[in-house]
PDB file of N, CA and C in Angstrom:
ATOM      1  N   MET A   1     -19.383 -47.941   3.372  1.00  0.00           N
ATOM      2  CA  MET A   1     -19.099 -47.391   2.067  1.00  0.00           C
ATOM      3  C   MET A   1     -20.389 -47.355   1.266  1.00  0.00           C
ATOM      4  N   VAL A   2     -20.600 -46.256   0.578  1.00  0.00           N
ATOM      5  CA  VAL A   2     -21.791 -46.070  -0.242  1.00  0.00           C
ATOM      6  C   VAL A   2     -21.352 -45.816  -1.675  1.00  0.00           C
ATOM      7  N   SER A   3     -21.968 -46.489  -2.618  1.00  0.00           N
ATOM      8  CA  SER A   3     -21.672 -46.251  -4.036  1.00  0.00           C
ATOM      9  C   SER A   3     -22.826 -45.473  -4.644  1.00  0.00           C
ATOM     10  N   LEU A   4     -22.497 -44.364  -5.312  1.00  0.00           N
ATOM     11  CA  LEU A   4     -23.506 -43.525  -5.939  1.00  0.00           C
ATOM     12  C   LEU A   4     -23.198 -43.384  -7.421  1.00  0.00           C
ATOM     13  N   GLY A   5     -24.233 -43.422  -8.220  1.00  0.00           N
ATOM     14  CA  GLY A   5     -24.086 -43.167  -9.642  1.00  0.00           C
ATOM     15  C   GLY A   5     -24.297 -41.697  -9.927  1.00  0.00           C
ATOM     16  N   PRO A   6     -24.090 -41.275 -11.169  1.00  0.00           N
ATOM     17  CA  PRO A   6     -24.286 -39.867 -11.536  1.00  0.00           C
ATOM     18  C   PRO A   6     -25.701 -39.396 -11.183  1.00  0.00           C
ATOM     19  N   GLY A   7     -25.795 -38.288 -10.459  1.00  0.00           N
ATOM     20  CA  GLY A   7     -27.089 -37.721 -10.086  1.00  0.00           C
ATOM     21  C   GLY A   7     -27.752 -38.390  -8.896  1.00  0.00           C
ATOM     22  N   ASP A   8     -27.164 -39.462  -8.358  1.00  0.00           N
ATOM     23  CA  ASP A   8     -27.742 -40.150  -7.205  1.00  0.00           C
ATOM     24  C   ASP A   8     -27.487 -39.363  -5.923  1.00  0.00           C
ATOM     25  N   THR A   9     -28.351 -39.526  -4.957  1.00  0.00           N
ATOM     26  CA  THR A   9     -28.166 -38.950  -3.628  1.00  0.00           C
ATOM     27  C   THR A   9     -28.357 -40.049  -2.594  1.00  0.00           C
ATOM     28  N   HIS A  10     -27.828 -39.808  -1.417  1.00  0.00           N
ATOM     29  CA  HIS A  10     -27.970 -40.776  -0.333  1.00  0.00           C
ATOM     30  C   HIS A  10     -27.846 -40.038   0.989  1.00  0.00           C
ATOM     31  N   GLN A  11     -28.684 -40.369   1.944  1.00  0.00           N
ATOM     32  CA  GLN A  11     -28.618 -39.757   3.261  1.00  0.00           C
ATOM     33  C   GLN A  11     -27.745 -40.624   4.164  1.00  0.00           C
ATOM     34  N   LEU A  12     -26.792 -39.983   4.862  1.00  0.00           N
ATOM     35  CA  LEU A  12     -25.879 -40.698   5.748  1.00  0.00           C
ATOM     36  C   LEU A  12     -26.056 -40.220   7.178  1.00  0.00           C
ATOM     37  N   THR A  13     -25.711 -41.066   8.129  1.00  0.00           N
ATOM     38  CA  THR A  13     -25.701 -40.695   9.538  1.00  0.00           C
ATOM     39  C   THR A  13     -24.268 -40.377   9.933  1.00  0.00           C
ATOM     40  N   LEU A  14     -24.078 -39.251  10.579  1.00  0.00           N
ATOM     41  CA  LEU A  14     -22.762 -38.807  11.007  1.00  0.00           C
ATOM     42  C   LEU A  14     -22.558 -39.191  12.468  1.00  0.00           C
ATOM     43  N   ALA A  15     -21.467 -39.891  12.753  1.00  0.00           N
ATOM     44  CA  ALA A  15     -21.118 -40.252  14.132  1.00  0.00           C
ATOM     45  C   ALA A  15     -19.806 -39.561  14.473  1.00  0.00           C
ATOM     46  N   LEU A  16     -19.787 -38.794  15.554  1.00  0.00           N
ATOM     47  CA  LEU A  16     -18.591 -38.075  15.986  1.00  0.00           C
ATOM     48  C   LEU A  16     -17.980 -38.787  17.180  1.00  0.00           C
ATOM     49  N   ARG A  17     -16.663 -38.845  17.190  1.00  0.00           N
ATOM     50  CA  ARG A  17     -15.962 -39.476  18.299  1.00  0.00           C
ATOM     51  C   ARG A  17     -14.877 -38.526  18.781  1.00  0.00           C
ATOM     52  N   MET A  18     -14.830 -38.292  20.070  1.00  0.00           N
ATOM     53  CA  MET A  18     -13.783 -37.463  20.648  1.00  0.00           C
ATOM     54  C   MET A  18     -12.847 -38.393  21.401  1.00  0.00           C
ATOM     55  N   GLY A  19     -11.595 -38.466  20.975  1.00  0.00           N
ATOM     56  CA  GLY A  19     -10.622 -39.355  21.599  1.00  0.00           C
ATOM     57  C   GLY A  19      -9.687 -38.586  22.517  1.00  0.00           C
ATOM     58  N   GLY A  20      -8.849 -39.318  23.214  1.00  0.00           N
ATOM     59  CA  GLY A  20      -7.858 -38.709  24.091  1.00  0.00           C
ATOM     60  C   GLY A  20      -8.446 -38.094  25.337  1.00  0.00           C
ATOM     61  N   CYS A  21      -9.528 -38.664  25.842  1.00  0.00           N
ATOM     62  CA  CYS A  21     -10.210 -38.051  26.978  1.00  0.00           C
ATOM     63  C   CYS A  21      -9.368 -38.063  28.251  1.00  0.00           C
ATOM     64  N   GLU A  22      -8.322 -38.884  28.284  1.00  0.00           N
ATOM     65  CA  GLU A  22      -7.481 -38.953  29.486  1.00  0.00           C
ATOM     66  C   GLU A  22      -6.762 -37.631  29.765  1.00  0.00           C
ATOM     67  N   THR A  23      -6.564 -36.817  28.752  1.00  0.00           N
ATOM     68  CA  THR A  23      -5.833 -35.561  28.945  1.00  0.00           C
ATOM     69  C   THR A  23      -6.709 -34.335  28.707  1.00  0.00           C
ATOM     70  N   LEU A  24      -7.997 -34.534  28.496  1.00  0.00           N
ATOM     71  CA  LEU A  24      -8.924 -33.416  28.281  1.00  0.00           C
ATOM     72  C   LEU A  24      -9.759 -33.172  29.526  1.00  0.00           C
ATOM     73  N   SER A  25     -10.114 -31.935  29.740  1.00  0.00           N
ATOM     74  CA  SER A  25     -11.038 -31.614  30.816  1.00  0.00           C
ATOM     75  C   SER A  25     -12.381 -32.287  30.527  1.00  0.00           C
ATOM     76  N   ALA A  26     -13.086 -32.658  31.581  1.00  0.00           N
ATOM     77  CA  ALA A  26     -14.405 -33.277  31.413  1.00  0.00           C
ATOM     78  C   ALA A  26     -15.391 -32.309  30.774  1.00  0.00           C
ATOM     79  N   ARG A  27     -15.034 -31.025  30.703  1.00  0.00           N
ATOM     80  CA  ARG A  27     -15.926 -30.028  30.099  1.00  0.00           C
ATOM     81  C   ARG A  27     -15.423 -29.549  28.740  1.00  0.00           C
ATOM     82  N   ALA A  28     -14.394 -30.199  28.195  1.00  0.00           N
ATOM     83  CA  ALA A  28     -13.855 -29.797  26.895  1.00  0.00           C
ATOM     84  C   ALA A  28     -14.881 -30.072  25.806  1.00  0.00           C
ATOM     85  N   GLY A  29     -14.852 -29.260  24.776  1.00  0.00           N
ATOM     86  CA  GLY A  29     -15.768 -29.463  23.675  1.00  0.00           C
ATOM     87  C   GLY A  29     -15.332 -28.697  22.446  1.00  0.00           C
ATOM     88  N   ALA A  30     -16.027 -28.926  21.362  1.00  0.00           N
ATOM     89  CA  ALA A  30     -15.736 -28.239  20.108  1.00  0.00           C
ATOM     90  C   ALA A  30     -17.032 -28.131  19.318  1.00  0.00           C
ATOM     91  N   PHE A  31     -17.053 -27.194  18.387  1.00  0.00           N
ATOM     92  CA  PHE A  31     -18.191 -27.031  17.498  1.00  0.00           C
ATOM     93  C   PHE A  31     -17.774 -27.452  16.097  1.00  0.00           C
ATOM     94  N   VAL A  32     -18.604 -28.236  15.435  1.00  0.00           N
ATOM     95  CA  VAL A  32     -18.311 -28.743  14.095  1.00  0.00           C
ATOM     96  C   VAL A  32     -19.330 -28.152  13.127  1.00  0.00           C
ATOM     97  N   THR A  33     -18.833 -27.544  12.050  1.00  0.00           N
ATOM     98  CA  THR A  33     -19.723 -26.951  11.043  1.00  0.00           C
ATOM     99  C   THR A  33     -19.602 -27.633   9.692  1.00  0.00           C
ATOM    100  N   GLU A  34     -18.556 -28.458   9.524  1.00  0.00           N
ATOM    101  CA  GLU A  34     -18.366 -29.154   8.257  1.00  0.00           C
ATOM    102  C   GLU A  34     -17.585 -30.432   8.495  1.00  0.00           C
ATOM    103  N   VAL A  35     -17.713 -31.376   7.575  1.00  0.00           N
ATOM    104  CA  VAL A  35     -16.974 -32.637   7.632  1.00  0.00           C
ATOM    105  C   VAL A  35     -16.295 -32.868   6.295  1.00  0.00           C
ATOM    106  N   ARG A  36     -15.195 -33.594   6.344  1.00  0.00           N
ATOM    107  CA  ARG A  36     -14.482 -33.938   5.116  1.00  0.00           C
ATOM    108  C   ARG A  36     -14.774 -35.396   4.783  1.00  0.00           C
ATOM    109  N   VAL A  37     -15.134 -35.646   3.539  1.00  0.00           N
ATOM    110  CA  VAL A  37     -15.496 -36.986   3.073  1.00  0.00           C
ATOM    111  C   VAL A  37     -14.537 -37.387   1.962  1.00  0.00           C
ATOM    112  N   ARG A  38     -13.997 -38.582   2.062  1.00  0.00           N
ATOM    113  CA  ARG A  38     -13.113 -39.089   1.006  1.00  0.00           C
ATOM    114  C   ARG A  38     -13.970 -39.732  -0.079  1.00  0.00           C
ATOM    115  N   THR A  39     -13.703 -39.366  -1.322  1.00  0.00           N
ATOM    116  CA  THR A  39     -14.452 -39.913  -2.450  1.00  0.00           C
ATOM    117  C   THR A  39     -13.511 -40.667  -3.383  1.00  0.00           C
ATOM    118  N   GLU A  40     -14.098 -41.540  -4.154  1.00  0.00           N
ATOM    119  CA  GLU A  40     -13.338 -42.299  -5.146  1.00  0.00           C
ATOM    120  C   GLU A  40     -14.183 -42.415  -6.396  1.00  0.00           C
ATOM    121  N   GLN A  41     -13.581 -42.127  -7.534  1.00  0.00           N
ATOM    122  CA  GLN A  41     -14.293 -42.212  -8.811  1.00  0.00           C
ATOM    123  C   GLN A  41     -13.614 -43.245  -9.693  1.00  0.00           C
ATOM    124  N   ALA A  42     -14.381 -44.172 -10.209  1.00  0.00           N
ATOM    125  CA  ALA A  42     -13.894 -45.210 -11.119  1.00  0.00           C
ATOM    126  C   ALA A  42     -12.763 -46.026 -10.504  1.00  0.00           C
ATOM    127  N   GLY A  43     -12.696 -46.074  -9.182  1.00  0.00           N
ATOM    128  CA  GLY A  43     -11.678 -46.857  -8.512  1.00  0.00           C
ATOM    129  C   GLY A  43     -10.269 -46.294  -8.629  1.00  0.00           C
ATOM    130  N   VAL A  44     -10.135 -45.094  -9.204  1.00  0.00           N
ATOM    131  CA  VAL A  44      -8.812 -44.540  -9.466  1.00  0.00           C
ATOM    132  C   VAL A  44      -8.626 -43.159  -8.859  1.00  0.00           C
ATOM    133  N   PHE A  45      -9.575 -42.268  -9.054  1.00  0.00           N
ATOM    134  CA  PHE A  45      -9.426 -40.870  -8.665  1.00  0.00           C
ATOM    135  C   PHE A  45      -9.942 -40.649  -7.252  1.00  0.00           C
ATOM    136  N   ASP A  46      -9.034 -40.379  -6.330  1.00  0.00           N
ATOM    137  CA  ASP A  46      -9.414 -40.091  -4.944  1.00  0.00           C
ATOM    138  C   ASP A  46      -9.476 -38.588  -4.744  1.00  0.00           C
ATOM    139  N   ASP A  47     -10.397 -38.160  -3.899  1.00  0.00           N
ATOM    140  CA  ASP A  47     -10.515 -36.741  -3.587  1.00  0.00           C
ATOM    141  C   ASP A  47     -11.158 -36.602  -2.219  1.00  0.00           C
ATOM    142  N   ASP A  48     -10.874 -35.511  -1.531  1.00  0.00           N
ATOM    143  CA  ASP A  48     -11.551 -35.171  -0.282  1.00  0.00           C
ATOM    144  C   ASP A  48     -12.504 -34.028  -0.577  1.00  0.00           C
ATOM    145  N   VAL A  49     -13.753 -34.187  -0.159  1.00  0.00           N
ATOM    146  CA  VAL A  49     -14.780 -33.175  -0.377  1.00  0.00           C
ATOM    147  C   VAL A  49     -15.237 -32.670   0.982  1.00  0.00           C
ATOM    148  N   THR A  50     -15.313 -31.353   1.155  1.00  0.00           N
ATOM    149  CA  THR A  50     -15.789 -30.763   2.401  1.00  0.00           C
ATOM    150  C   THR A  50     -17.279 -30.482   2.263  1.00  0.00           C
ATOM    151  N   ILE A  51     -18.047 -30.987   3.222  1.00  0.00           N
ATOM    152  CA  ILE A  51     -19.502 -30.824   3.212  1.00  0.00           C
ATOM    153  C   ILE A  51     -19.903 -29.993   4.420  1.00  0.00           C
ATOM    154  N   SER A  52     -20.605 -28.898   4.176  1.00  0.00           N
ATOM    155  CA  SER A  52     -21.127 -28.063   5.263  1.00  0.00           C
ATOM    156  C   SER A  52     -22.342 -28.740   5.880  1.00  0.00           C
ATOM    157  N   LEU A  53     -22.386 -28.762   7.204  1.00  0.00           N
ATOM    158  CA  LEU A  53     -23.530 -29.356   7.901  1.00  0.00           C
ATOM    159  C   LEU A  53     -24.681 -28.365   7.937  1.00  0.00           C
ATOM    160  N   PRO A  54     -25.918 -28.856   7.953  1.00  0.00           N
ATOM    161  CA  PRO A  54     -27.071 -27.941   7.965  1.00  0.00           C
ATOM    162  C   PRO A  54     -27.180 -27.126   9.251  1.00  0.00           C
ATOM    163  N   GLU A  55     -26.544 -27.595  10.324  1.00  0.00           N
ATOM    164  CA  GLU A  55     -26.508 -26.840  11.570  1.00  0.00           C
ATOM    165  C   GLU A  55     -25.231 -27.201  12.323  1.00  0.00           C
ATOM    166  N   GLU A  56     -24.821 -26.318  13.213  1.00  0.00           N
ATOM    167  CA  GLU A  56     -23.600 -26.525  13.991  1.00  0.00           C
ATOM    168  C   GLU A  56     -23.817 -27.644  15.006  1.00  0.00           C
ATOM    169  N   VAL A  57     -22.849 -28.553  15.100  1.00  0.00           N
ATOM    170  CA  VAL A  57     -22.930 -29.680  16.026  1.00  0.00           C
ATOM    171  C   VAL A  57     -21.903 -29.461  17.131  1.00  0.00           C
ATOM    172  N   HIS A  58     -22.305 -29.687  18.380  1.00  0.00           N
ATOM    173  CA  HIS A  58     -21.390 -29.534  19.512  1.00  0.00           C
ATOM    174  C   HIS A  58     -20.935 -30.912  19.972  1.00  0.00           C
ATOM    175  N   THR A  59     -19.618 -31.090  20.065  1.00  0.00           N
ATOM    176  CA  THR A  59     -19.065 -32.323  20.602  1.00  0.00           C
ATOM    177  C   THR A  59     -18.570 -32.045  22.009  1.00  0.00           C
ATOM    178  N   GLY A  60     -18.554 -33.053  22.844  1.00  0.00           N
ATOM    179  CA  GLY A  60     -18.103 -32.847  24.211  1.00  0.00           C
ATOM    180  C   GLY A  60     -17.286 -34.021  24.712  1.00  0.00           C
ATOM    181  N   SER A  61     -16.331 -33.735  25.576  1.00  0.00           N
ATOM    182  CA  SER A  61     -15.509 -34.765  26.184  1.00  0.00           C
ATOM    183  C   SER A  61     -16.378 -35.627  27.102  1.00  0.00           C
ATOM    184  N   PRO A  62     -16.157 -36.933  27.093  1.00  0.00           N
ATOM    185  CA  PRO A  62     -16.942 -37.789  27.983  1.00  0.00           C
ATOM    186  C   PRO A  62     -16.610 -37.524  29.444  1.00  0.00           C
ATOM    187  N   ARG A  63     -17.572 -37.705  30.291  1.00  0.00           N
ATOM    188  CA  ARG A  63     -17.359 -37.571  31.733  1.00  0.00           C
ATOM    189  C   ARG A  63     -16.470 -38.708  32.230  1.00  0.00           C
ATOM    190  N   GLU A  64     -16.029 -38.644  33.455  1.00  0.00           N
ATOM    191  CA  GLU A  64     -15.087 -39.616  34.008  1.00  0.00           C
ATOM    192  C   GLU A  64     -15.564 -41.059  33.856  1.00  0.00           C
ATOM    193  N   ALA A  65     -16.836 -41.311  34.046  1.00  0.00           N
ATOM    194  CA  ALA A  65     -17.356 -42.674  33.972  1.00  0.00           C
ATOM    195  C   ALA A  65     -17.173 -43.286  32.586  1.00  0.00           C
ATOM    196  N   PHE A  66     -17.087 -42.455  31.547  1.00  0.00           N
ATOM    197  CA  PHE A  66     -16.953 -42.957  30.185  1.00  0.00           C
ATOM    198  C   PHE A  66     -15.532 -42.787  29.643  1.00  0.00           C
ATOM    199  N   CYS A  67     -14.597 -42.501  30.527  1.00  0.00           N
ATOM    200  CA  CYS A  67     -13.185 -42.364  30.168  1.00  0.00           C
ATOM    201  C   CYS A  67     -12.398 -43.273  31.117  1.00  0.00           C
ATOM    202  N   PRO A  68     -12.429 -44.580  30.876  1.00  0.00           N
ATOM    203  CA  PRO A  68     -11.948 -45.552  31.861  1.00  0.00           C
ATOM    204  C   PRO A  68     -10.468 -45.489  32.194  1.00  0.00           C
ATOM    205  N   ARG A  69      -9.615 -44.955  31.304  1.00  0.00           N
ATOM    206  CA  ARG A  69      -8.183 -44.926  31.602  1.00  0.00           C
ATOM    207  C   ARG A  69      -7.744 -43.616  32.246  1.00  0.00           C
ATOM    208  N   SER A  70      -8.695 -42.733  32.538  1.00  0.00           N
ATOM    209  CA  SER A  70      -8.314 -41.479  33.176  1.00  0.00           C
ATOM    210  C   SER A  70      -8.010 -41.720  34.652  1.00  0.00           C
ATOM    211  N   THR A  71      -7.184 -40.833  35.207  1.00  0.00           N
ATOM    212  CA  THR A  71      -6.849 -40.915  36.633  1.00  0.00           C
ATOM    213  C   THR A  71      -7.153 -39.565  37.269  1.00  0.00           C
ATOM    214  N   ALA A  72      -6.986 -39.478  38.571  1.00  0.00           N
ATOM    215  CA  ALA A  72      -7.266 -38.238  39.291  1.00  0.00           C
ATOM    216  C   ALA A  72      -6.358 -37.106  38.817  1.00  0.00           C
ATOM    217  N   THR A  73      -5.191 -37.427  38.291  1.00  0.00           N
ATOM    218  CA  THR A  73      -4.253 -36.378  37.868  1.00  0.00           C
ATOM    219  C   THR A  73      -4.107 -36.264  36.352  1.00  0.00           C
ATOM    220  N   SER A  74      -4.713 -37.164  35.586  1.00  0.00           N
ATOM    221  CA  SER A  74      -4.512 -37.115  34.132  1.00  0.00           C
ATOM    222  C   SER A  74      -5.397 -36.070  33.450  1.00  0.00           C
ATOM    223  N   ARG A  75      -6.506 -35.694  34.070  1.00  0.00           N
ATOM    224  CA  ARG A  75      -7.421 -34.735  33.460  1.00  0.00           C
ATOM    225  C   ARG A  75      -7.337 -33.396  34.184  1.00  0.00           C
ATOM    226  N   PRO A  76      -7.176 -32.315  33.417  1.00  0.00           N
ATOM    227  CA  PRO A  76      -7.158 -31.008  34.064  1.00  0.00           C
ATOM    228  C   PRO A  76      -8.543 -30.652  34.597  1.00  0.00           C
ATOM    229  N   PRO A  77      -8.628 -29.771  35.578  1.00  0.00           N
ATOM    230  CA  PRO A  77      -9.935 -29.372  36.093  1.00  0.00           C
ATOM    231  C   PRO A  77     -10.714 -28.638  35.020  1.00  0.00           C
ATOM    232  N   GLY A  78     -12.023 -28.781  35.065  1.00  0.00           N
ATOM    233  CA  GLY A  78     -12.860 -28.140  34.050  1.00  0.00           C
ATOM    234  C   GLY A  78     -13.549 -26.989  34.604  1.00  0.00           C
TER     235      GLY A  78
END
């Protein structure tokens, strides 16, 4: 959690996680162009803000070695 005052800026690191790899092809992927960030003002007003990324990010399904609960039949061919 980061607290910012009026006019303050802060650089954040974005970490993407793709879940459910047991049912995804090892070659599945998606492109991300924006992220939604939850904000809170004065501890009362909640809002979701959509932030456009400076460049398109590609996410990919982990290979079999990084999807430990997958089986020979749980993942479709890629």
